[in-house]
């Protein structure tokens, strides 16, 4: 079944759509974990909040297709951050994401957050070299960790780098909880309400049913911000797609694992309705560039059978966005648009970063306390022009190439309603995928993921 484990086994919150025009202080677009947690924090502070979600349920986008790992161990990240940022900024990134785990434990019921260790592991000399480099970065940043050869994995490894006091969640279950809590605080949440037009100068927007929302502040928590072209953000974000499978298992692991070798593999277990499940993921590629995606599922399914002796019951894919310096964009989209804020670019680590983002956005709008330097670290307007310019050329160049080549190769394929690129049929997921900016459409042409907001013309 091509459906995520979380969506298939957890009943989701479904609310009515927006049926009449309205006004609010803050309008949030996107009902994933970031949008819901932000709505909760703002409503708790007394802010008049309206949240709009395009899907029929909350948490059904990127959140519901994630691994659900709530951790500050974001693959080989701290060694890279020390090369790109100052020591203080790298330390702050860790502190904010570790605090996100503590924040989740404070807010969520105890049975919604499971404490585990997070481990990076390797099986090759190249991977071991990366692991040692990351461990050295941990030492520099005073991150509690240990290097070990002892794991629960059913295959040999060279070494594993363990970060303690981490956690994991069922992302749909947590989304449901935050949606209900946000409503209790006074937030107005609407599902099945797709935004189709933004009128930034007039501080209002229109939905596909022509309902308007007049706001004072706008927060874009959709996977690929509609207004990402402001400040050339559109050409600074790259998309990748990864694949996951899940099966029932007899036992749960005490840790959650991620390989640093290529291709990477993510491994965790979960307990849902008193049933234990094994979740195995990996196999990345640039979103929309591959038509034949079945081999990606076959590769991880084969490994599940070989190493864990399990047959996959569920399979799904997820799309992730990365910024040039690998720190997400959270805050005012540009200095010239102080009323428009975004949260995007989580690089597969959106669970912890969603809590970080919600606190940053709340601090910007209400003045609530946050770690000094957090707003500047995550700011979309941070000045790292060199890296951004190179990423703009890289991603922008790919988009230009696909725009032209797409028409030459697939003249009869549906045209993406975002910027006119030719889509490609994804056989395994049965979707039309755009290789330019990652928009996805189902077999009927309906929008599954933005930045496109209009359906495909399939006639």
Protein backbone atom coordinates (compact mmCIF):
# COMPACT_ATOMS: atom_id res chain seq x y z
CA UNK A 1 0.00 0.00 0.00
CA UNK A 2 1.46 3.39 -1.01
CA UNK A 3 0.49 5.20 2.19
CA UNK A 4 2.52 6.28 5.17
CA UNK A 5 2.35 4.19 8.32
CA UNK A 6 1.21 7.19 10.35
CA UNK A 7 -1.63 8.12 8.02
CA UNK A 8 -2.79 4.53 7.60
CA UNK A 9 -2.97 3.70 11.31
CA UNK A 10 -3.83 7.00 13.00
CA UNK A 11 -7.20 8.69 12.69
CA UNK A 12 -6.62 12.28 11.62
CA UNK A 13 -8.35 15.47 12.67
CA UNK A 14 -10.59 16.77 9.90
CA UNK A 15 -12.24 20.16 10.17
CA UNK A 16 -14.55 22.11 7.90
CA UNK A 17 -13.29 24.37 5.16
CA UNK A 18 -13.48 28.16 5.20
CA UNK A 19 -16.97 29.00 3.96
CA UNK A 20 -17.05 32.76 4.46
CA UNK A 21 -14.54 35.60 4.29
CA UNK A 22 -12.88 36.51 7.56
CA UNK A 23 -10.28 38.71 9.24
CA UNK A 24 -7.53 37.94 11.74
CA UNK A 25 -4.36 39.27 13.27
CA UNK A 26 -2.20 36.38 12.01
CA UNK A 27 -3.00 34.02 9.13
CA UNK A 28 -0.98 30.81 8.88
CA UNK A 29 -0.87 28.84 5.63
CA UNK A 30 -0.03 25.18 6.21
CA UNK A 31 -1.43 22.68 8.71
CA UNK A 32 1.63 20.55 9.28
CA UNK A 33 3.60 20.41 12.53
CA UNK A 34 5.12 23.88 12.10
CA UNK A 35 1.82 25.59 11.35
CA UNK A 36 -0.04 23.80 14.14
CA UNK A 37 2.60 24.42 16.79
CA UNK A 38 2.88 28.08 15.72
CA UNK A 39 -0.91 28.45 15.88
CA UNK A 40 -0.88 26.90 19.34
CA UNK A 41 1.86 29.19 20.70
CA UNK A 42 0.33 32.34 19.22
CA UNK A 43 -3.21 31.51 20.34
CA UNK A 44 -1.89 30.74 23.82
CA UNK A 45 -0.39 34.25 23.85
CA UNK A 46 -3.81 35.72 23.00
CA UNK A 47 -3.21 36.34 19.30
CA UNK A 48 -6.18 36.08 16.90
CA UNK A 49 -5.06 33.24 14.59
CA UNK A 50 -6.54 31.68 11.45
CA UNK A 51 -4.83 28.60 9.99
CA UNK A 52 -5.58 27.35 6.45
CA UNK A 53 -4.69 23.82 5.30
CA UNK A 54 -5.13 22.70 1.68
CA UNK A 55 -5.53 19.00 2.53
CA UNK A 56 -8.71 17.53 3.99
CA UNK A 57 -6.83 16.65 7.19
CA UNK A 58 -4.04 18.17 9.23
CA UNK A 59 -0.58 16.64 9.25
CA UNK A 60 -1.15 14.90 5.91
CA UNK A 61 1.64 16.67 4.02
CA UNK A 62 5.34 16.50 4.80
CA UNK A 63 4.65 15.92 8.51
CA UNK A 64 2.61 12.77 7.90
CA UNK A 65 5.29 11.38 5.58
CA UNK A 66 8.26 11.95 7.89
CA UNK A 67 10.20 9.48 10.03
CA UNK A 68 8.88 11.09 13.23
CA UNK A 69 12.38 11.36 14.71
CA UNK A 70 12.49 14.17 17.28
CA UNK A 71 16.22 14.66 17.58
CA UNK A 72 19.05 17.17 17.44
CA UNK A 73 21.20 14.60 15.64
CA UNK A 74 20.66 15.71 12.06
CA UNK A 75 22.99 13.35 10.19
CA UNK A 76 26.49 14.78 9.54
CA UNK A 77 25.50 18.33 10.38
CA UNK A 78 27.69 19.77 13.12
CA UNK A 79 30.97 19.21 11.30
CA UNK A 80 29.42 21.01 8.32
CA UNK A 81 28.02 23.81 10.48
CA UNK A 82 31.45 24.46 11.99
CA UNK A 83 32.74 24.99 8.45
CA UNK A 84 29.89 27.31 7.46
CA UNK A 85 29.07 29.15 10.71
CA UNK A 86 30.79 30.44 13.80
CA UNK A 87 31.30 28.23 16.85
CA UNK A 88 28.59 30.15 18.70
CA UNK A 89 26.09 29.72 15.85
CA UNK A 90 26.74 25.97 15.58
CA UNK A 91 26.30 25.62 19.35
CA UNK A 92 23.07 27.60 19.16
CA UNK A 93 21.70 25.33 16.43
CA UNK A 94 22.24 22.32 18.68
CA UNK A 95 20.82 24.04 21.76
CA UNK A 96 17.65 25.13 19.96
CA UNK A 97 16.96 21.67 18.57
CA UNK A 98 17.72 19.97 21.88
CA UNK A 99 15.41 22.44 23.62
CA UNK A 100 12.74 21.51 21.06
CA UNK A 101 12.77 17.99 22.49
CA UNK A 102 12.35 19.36 25.98
CA UNK A 103 9.53 21.63 24.77
CA UNK A 104 7.71 18.67 23.20
CA UNK A 105 8.00 16.72 26.45
CA UNK A 106 6.49 19.68 28.34
CA UNK A 107 3.55 20.20 26.00
CA UNK A 108 2.64 16.70 24.86
CA UNK A 109 1.14 13.93 27.01
CA UNK A 110 3.85 11.51 28.25
CA UNK A 111 2.62 8.70 26.03
CA UNK A 112 3.05 10.86 22.89
CA UNK A 113 6.84 11.25 23.22
CA UNK A 114 9.09 8.19 23.47
CA UNK A 115 12.63 8.73 24.78
CA UNK A 116 15.36 7.00 22.75
CA UNK A 117 19.02 7.41 21.83
CA UNK A 118 19.87 8.56 18.31
CA UNK A 119 22.79 6.88 16.56
CA UNK A 120 24.70 7.57 13.37
CA UNK A 121 26.39 4.41 12.11
CA UNK A 122 28.82 3.45 9.36
CA UNK A 123 29.93 0.29 7.59
CA UNK A 124 32.73 1.65 5.39
CA UNK A 125 36.09 3.40 5.84
CA UNK A 126 34.70 6.51 4.19
CA UNK A 127 31.75 6.53 6.56
CA UNK A 128 34.02 6.01 9.56
CA UNK A 129 36.07 9.05 8.56
CA UNK A 130 32.87 11.12 8.42
CA UNK A 131 31.74 9.75 11.76
CA UNK A 132 35.04 10.67 13.43
CA UNK A 133 34.82 14.17 11.99
CA UNK A 134 31.29 14.55 13.36
CA UNK A 135 32.37 13.17 16.76
CA UNK A 136 35.16 15.75 16.91
CA UNK A 137 32.57 18.45 16.18
CA UNK A 138 30.48 17.09 19.07
CA UNK A 139 33.49 17.50 21.36
CA UNK A 140 34.08 21.07 20.22
CA UNK A 141 30.40 21.89 20.78
CA UNK A 142 30.19 20.03 24.12
CA UNK A 143 27.49 17.66 22.85
CA UNK A 144 27.12 14.64 25.11
CA UNK A 145 27.87 11.55 23.03
CA UNK A 146 29.84 8.34 22.80
CA UNK A 147 31.36 6.23 20.06
CA UNK A 148 30.29 2.60 20.24
CA UNK A 149 30.25 -0.70 18.39
CA UNK A 150 27.26 -1.98 20.34
CA UNK A 151 23.91 -1.57 18.55
CA UNK A 152 20.63 -3.43 18.11
CA UNK A 153 21.12 -3.64 14.35
CA UNK A 154 20.98 -7.14 12.84
CA UNK A 155 24.05 -6.55 10.66
CA UNK A 156 27.70 -5.64 11.33
CA UNK A 157 28.77 -2.01 11.61
CA UNK A 158 32.12 -0.30 11.97
CA UNK A 159 31.11 2.26 14.59
CA UNK A 160 28.10 4.24 15.78
CA UNK A 161 27.96 7.76 17.24
CA UNK A 162 25.33 7.94 19.96
CA UNK A 163 23.53 11.12 21.09
CA UNK A 164 21.52 10.51 24.25
CA UNK A 165 18.28 12.06 25.53
CA UNK A 166 16.57 12.15 22.14
CA UNK A 167 13.00 11.21 21.24
CA UNK A 168 10.54 10.02 18.60
CA UNK A 169 6.86 10.63 17.94
CA UNK A 170 3.95 9.58 15.79
CA UNK A 171 3.80 12.82 13.76
CA UNK A 172 0.09 12.52 12.88
CA UNK A 173 -0.85 11.80 16.48
CA UNK A 174 1.07 14.88 17.64
CA UNK A 175 -0.48 16.99 14.88
CA UNK A 176 -3.92 15.92 16.06
CA UNK A 177 -3.10 16.90 19.63
CA UNK A 178 -1.74 20.33 18.66
CA UNK A 179 -4.74 21.03 16.42
CA UNK A 180 -7.14 20.36 19.29
CA UNK A 181 -5.06 22.36 21.78
CA UNK A 182 -4.76 25.31 19.37
CA UNK A 183 -8.54 25.34 19.00
CA UNK A 184 -8.97 25.29 22.77
CA UNK A 185 -6.76 28.39 22.90
CA UNK A 186 -9.00 30.15 20.39
CA UNK A 187 -7.24 29.52 17.07
CA UNK A 188 -9.56 29.05 14.08
CA UNK A 189 -8.43 26.12 11.95
CA UNK A 190 -9.76 25.28 8.48
CA UNK A 191 -8.98 22.22 6.37
CA UNK A 192 -9.66 21.63 2.67
CA UNK A 193 -8.95 25.32 2.08
CA UNK A 194 -6.34 25.92 -0.59
CA UNK A 195 -4.91 29.40 -1.00
CA UNK A 196 -4.72 30.42 -4.62
CA UNK A 197 -3.91 34.11 -4.57
CA UNK A 198 -1.95 36.39 -2.27
CA UNK A 199 -2.37 40.14 -2.35
CA UNK A 200 0.65 41.14 -0.28
CA UNK A 201 0.29 44.95 -0.60
CA UNK A 202 -3.32 44.75 0.62
CA UNK A 203 -2.65 42.16 3.37
CA UNK A 204 -5.24 39.71 2.12
CA UNK A 205 -5.54 36.40 0.30
CA UNK A 206 -8.14 34.41 -1.62
CA UNK A 207 -8.90 30.71 -1.46
CA UNK A 208 -9.88 28.53 -4.41
CA UNK A 209 -13.53 29.03 -3.39
CA UNK A 210 -12.98 32.79 -3.56
CA UNK A 211 -13.17 33.41 0.19
CA UNK A 212 -10.91 36.18 1.42
CA UNK A 213 -8.85 36.45 4.59
CA UNK A 214 -7.74 39.91 5.70
CA UNK A 215 -4.74 39.72 8.03
CA UNK A 216 -2.12 41.87 9.72
CA UNK A 217 0.63 39.23 9.57
CA UNK A 218 1.02 36.24 7.25
CA UNK A 219 3.05 33.11 8.04
CA UNK A 220 3.85 30.69 5.22
CA UNK A 221 4.33 27.21 6.68
CA UNK A 222 3.49 25.38 3.47
CA UNK A 223 6.14 22.96 2.24
CA UNK A 224 7.34 25.28 -0.52
CA UNK A 225 6.32 28.86 0.28
CA UNK A 226 3.97 30.44 -2.27
CA UNK A 227 5.87 33.70 -2.00
CA UNK A 228 9.30 32.06 -2.06
CA UNK A 229 10.24 34.06 -5.15
CA UNK A 230 10.64 37.13 -2.93
CA UNK A 231 14.35 37.80 -2.51
CA UNK A 232 15.07 34.94 -4.94
CA UNK A 233 14.31 32.38 -2.22
CA UNK A 234 12.73 30.21 -4.91
CA UNK A 235 16.14 29.66 -6.47
CA UNK A 236 17.89 29.03 -3.15
CA UNK A 237 15.86 26.00 -2.11
CA UNK A 238 16.56 22.55 -3.53
CA UNK A 239 14.17 19.59 -3.33
CA UNK A 240 14.92 15.94 -2.67
CA UNK A 241 12.66 12.91 -2.36
CA UNK A 242 13.27 9.89 -0.14
CA UNK A 243 11.44 6.59 0.35
CA UNK A 244 10.21 4.60 3.35
CA UNK A 245 8.66 1.22 4.08
CA UNK A 246 7.13 -0.16 7.27
CA UNK A 247 6.23 -3.61 8.56
CA UNK A 248 5.00 -5.19 11.76
CA UNK A 249 7.67 -6.45 14.14
CA UNK A 250 7.73 -8.30 17.43
CA UNK A 251 9.96 -5.92 19.38
CA UNK A 252 10.85 -2.25 19.54
CA UNK A 253 14.34 -0.77 19.44
CA UNK A 254 15.75 1.38 22.23
CA UNK A 255 17.52 3.56 19.66
CA UNK A 256 16.85 5.14 16.28
CA UNK A 257 19.48 4.85 13.59
CA UNK A 258 20.80 6.63 10.51
CA UNK A 259 23.66 5.49 8.30
CA UNK A 260 26.23 7.97 7.04
CA UNK A 261 27.25 5.74 4.13
CA UNK A 262 25.70 6.03 0.68
CA UNK A 263 22.91 5.26 0.16
CA UNK A 264 21.78 6.38 3.60
CA UNK A 265 19.32 4.35 5.64
CA UNK A 266 17.01 5.48 8.45
CA UNK A 267 15.80 2.85 10.96
CA UNK A 268 13.37 3.15 13.86
CA UNK A 269 10.47 1.31 15.44
CA UNK A 270 7.09 2.61 16.63
CA UNK A 271 4.17 1.30 18.65
CA UNK A 272 0.69 2.20 17.36
CA UNK A 273 -2.49 0.77 18.86
CA UNK A 274 -0.39 -1.80 20.75
CA UNK A 275 1.19 -3.02 17.50
CA UNK A 276 4.95 -2.68 16.91
CA UNK A 277 6.22 -1.46 13.55
CA UNK A 278 9.64 -1.24 11.92
CA UNK A 279 10.27 1.82 9.71
CA UNK A 280 13.11 1.73 7.18
CA UNK A 281 13.88 4.62 4.83
CA UNK A 282 16.43 6.15 2.48
CA UNK A 283 17.24 6.29 -1.26
CA UNK A 284 17.31 10.02 -2.05
CA UNK A 285 17.12 11.74 -5.43
CA UNK A 286 16.25 15.20 -6.72
CA UNK A 287 12.47 15.58 -6.67
CA UNK A 288 10.81 15.06 -10.05
CA UNK A 289 13.92 13.98 -11.95
CA UNK A 290 13.14 10.25 -11.88
CA UNK A 291 10.22 8.56 -13.62
CA UNK A 292 10.92 4.96 -12.58
CA UNK A 293 10.78 5.19 -8.80
CA UNK A 294 9.82 1.57 -8.10
CA UNK A 295 13.51 0.51 -7.78
CA UNK A 296 13.89 2.83 -4.78
CA UNK A 297 11.09 1.03 -2.97
CA UNK A 298 12.44 -2.34 -4.06
CA UNK A 299 15.90 -1.57 -2.67
CA UNK A 300 14.75 -0.76 0.85
CA UNK A 301 12.08 -3.49 0.79
CA UNK A 302 14.79 -6.01 -0.12
CA UNK A 303 16.94 -4.84 2.79
CA UNK A 304 14.01 -5.11 5.18
CA UNK A 305 13.47 -8.73 4.12
CA UNK A 306 17.19 -9.56 4.22
CA UNK A 307 18.15 -7.97 7.52
CA UNK A 308 14.90 -7.94 9.49
CA UNK A 309 13.01 -10.83 7.84
CA UNK A 310 9.95 -8.64 7.44
CA UNK A 311 7.61 -8.00 4.53
CA UNK A 312 6.67 -4.30 4.06
CA UNK A 313 3.02 -3.48 4.70
CA UNK A 314 3.24 0.24 3.96
CA UNK A 315 5.40 2.35 1.71
CA UNK A 316 5.57 6.05 1.03
CA UNK A 317 7.85 8.86 -0.08
CA UNK A 318 8.65 12.29 1.35
CA UNK A 319 9.88 15.52 -0.14
CA UNK A 320 12.36 17.78 1.64
CA UNK A 321 13.86 21.19 0.98
CA UNK A 322 17.38 22.35 1.77
CA UNK A 323 18.86 25.83 2.07
CA UNK A 324 22.42 26.62 0.93
CA UNK A 325 23.91 26.71 4.44
CA UNK A 326 21.64 23.86 5.70
CA UNK A 327 20.02 26.03 8.39
CA UNK A 328 16.26 26.47 7.78
CA UNK A 329 14.70 29.77 6.77
CA UNK A 330 12.43 30.95 9.59
CA UNK A 331 11.35 34.56 10.02
CA UNK A 332 10.52 37.60 7.92
CA UNK A 333 10.89 36.66 4.30
CA UNK A 334 12.68 39.94 3.47
CA UNK A 335 13.30 43.18 5.31
CA UNK A 336 11.02 44.91 2.82
CA UNK A 337 8.08 42.62 3.75
CA UNK A 338 7.94 42.74 7.56
CA UNK A 339 4.38 41.39 7.61
CA UNK A 340 5.21 38.17 5.74
CA UNK A 341 7.07 35.36 7.51
CA UNK A 342 8.11 31.89 6.36
CA UNK A 343 9.35 28.60 7.77
CA UNK A 344 10.94 26.16 5.33
CA UNK A 345 14.13 24.29 4.39
CA UNK A 346 14.28 21.68 7.16
CA UNK A 347 16.49 19.24 5.24
CA UNK A 348 14.60 16.16 6.52
CA UNK A 349 14.76 17.36 10.12
CA UNK A 350 11.43 19.12 10.36
CA UNK A 351 10.20 17.56 13.59
CA UNK A 352 12.61 19.29 15.97
CA UNK A 353 12.94 22.32 13.70
CA UNK A 354 9.15 22.78 13.66
CA UNK A 355 9.24 23.48 17.40
CA UNK A 356 12.23 25.79 16.92
CA UNK A 357 10.38 27.59 14.11
CA UNK A 358 7.20 28.03 16.14
CA UNK A 359 9.12 29.63 18.98
CA UNK A 360 11.02 31.96 16.64
CA UNK A 361 7.86 33.04 14.84
CA UNK A 362 6.04 33.57 18.13
CA UNK A 363 8.96 35.63 19.46
CA UNK A 364 8.94 37.84 16.37
CA UNK A 365 5.20 38.49 16.64
CA UNK A 366 4.65 38.63 20.40
CA UNK A 367 8.04 39.46 21.85
CA UNK A 368 8.19 36.19 23.81
CA UNK A 369 11.62 35.14 25.08
CA UNK A 370 13.92 33.04 22.93
CA UNK A 371 17.60 32.22 22.94
CA UNK A 372 19.74 35.21 21.96
CA UNK A 373 20.83 34.91 18.35
CA UNK A 374 18.11 32.41 17.34
CA UNK A 375 16.22 34.88 15.16
CA UNK A 376 19.38 35.95 13.33
CA UNK A 377 20.62 32.36 12.88
CA UNK A 378 17.40 31.21 11.17
CA UNK A 379 16.60 34.50 9.42
CA UNK A 380 15.78 34.16 5.68
CA UNK A 381 17.58 37.47 5.20
CA UNK A 382 20.88 36.33 6.70
CA UNK A 383 23.77 37.48 4.52
CA UNK A 384 25.61 34.52 3.10
CA UNK A 385 25.58 35.72 -0.47
CA UNK A 386 28.37 33.54 -1.84
CA UNK A 387 26.80 30.21 -0.92
CA UNK A 388 23.34 31.41 -1.85
CA UNK A 389 24.47 32.70 -5.22
CA UNK A 390 26.13 29.38 -6.06
CA UNK A 391 22.99 27.50 -5.01
CA UNK A 392 20.91 29.89 -7.09
CA UNK A 393 23.02 29.07 -10.15
CA UNK A 394 22.90 25.35 -9.39
CA UNK A 395 19.16 25.08 -8.76
CA UNK A 396 18.17 27.85 -11.15
CA UNK A 397 20.31 26.28 -13.84
CA UNK A 398 18.63 22.90 -13.29
CA UNK A 399 15.21 24.54 -13.53
CA UNK A 400 16.10 26.29 -16.77
CA UNK A 401 17.46 23.05 -18.21
CA UNK A 402 14.36 21.09 -17.21
CA UNK A 403 12.05 23.75 -18.59
CA UNK A 404 13.61 23.45 -22.04
CA UNK A 405 14.45 19.75 -22.02
CA UNK A 406 11.04 18.87 -20.64
CA UNK A 407 9.34 20.32 -23.66
CA UNK A 408 11.70 18.49 -25.99
CA UNK A 409 11.29 15.11 -24.27
CA UNK A 410 7.68 15.25 -23.09
CA UNK A 411 5.79 17.60 -25.32
CA UNK A 412 2.52 15.85 -24.51
CA UNK A 413 3.05 15.65 -20.72
CA UNK A 414 0.90 17.89 -18.49
CA UNK A 415 2.37 21.32 -17.82
CA UNK A 416 2.96 22.28 -14.21
CA UNK A 417 0.71 25.17 -13.26
CA UNK A 418 3.44 26.82 -11.20
CA UNK A 419 6.01 28.04 -13.76
CA UNK A 420 5.18 25.97 -16.83
CA UNK A 421 7.66 23.09 -16.59
CA UNK A 422 6.70 19.71 -18.01
CA UNK A 423 5.74 17.17 -15.35
CA UNK A 424 6.84 13.52 -15.23
CA UNK A 425 4.69 10.53 -14.32
CA UNK A 426 5.88 8.79 -11.13
CA UNK A 427 4.92 5.15 -11.69
CA UNK A 428 5.36 3.90 -8.12
CA UNK A 429 3.47 6.73 -6.38
CA UNK A 430 1.09 7.32 -9.31
CA UNK A 431 1.70 11.06 -9.29
CA UNK A 432 2.69 13.75 -11.74
CA UNK A 433 5.94 15.28 -10.40
CA UNK A 434 7.50 18.56 -11.49
CA UNK A 435 11.32 18.47 -11.66
CA UNK A 436 11.63 22.26 -11.47
CA UNK A 437 10.34 23.11 -7.99
CA UNK A 438 8.85 19.87 -6.74
CA UNK A 439 5.11 20.38 -7.23
CA UNK A 440 3.16 17.10 -7.20
CA UNK A 441 -0.25 16.20 -8.57
CA UNK A 442 -2.33 13.03 -8.26
CA UNK A 443 -3.56 11.00 -11.21
CA UNK A 444 -6.59 13.30 -11.51
CA UNK A 445 -4.34 16.37 -11.69
CA UNK A 446 -5.20 17.63 -8.20
CA UNK A 447 -2.44 19.43 -6.30
CA UNK A 448 -0.71 17.28 -3.66
CA UNK A 449 2.27 19.52 -2.94
CA UNK A 450 3.14 23.08 -3.90
CA UNK A 451 4.33 25.57 -4.85
CA UNK A 452 1.65 25.00 -7.54
CA UNK A 453 -1.87 25.94 -6.43
CA UNK A 454 -3.84 25.20 -9.62
CA UNK A 455 -4.64 21.64 -10.82
CA UNK A 456 -3.10 20.15 -13.95
CA UNK A 457 -4.94 20.26 -17.25
CA UNK A 458 -5.05 16.61 -18.28
CA UNK A 459 -7.25 16.93 -21.37
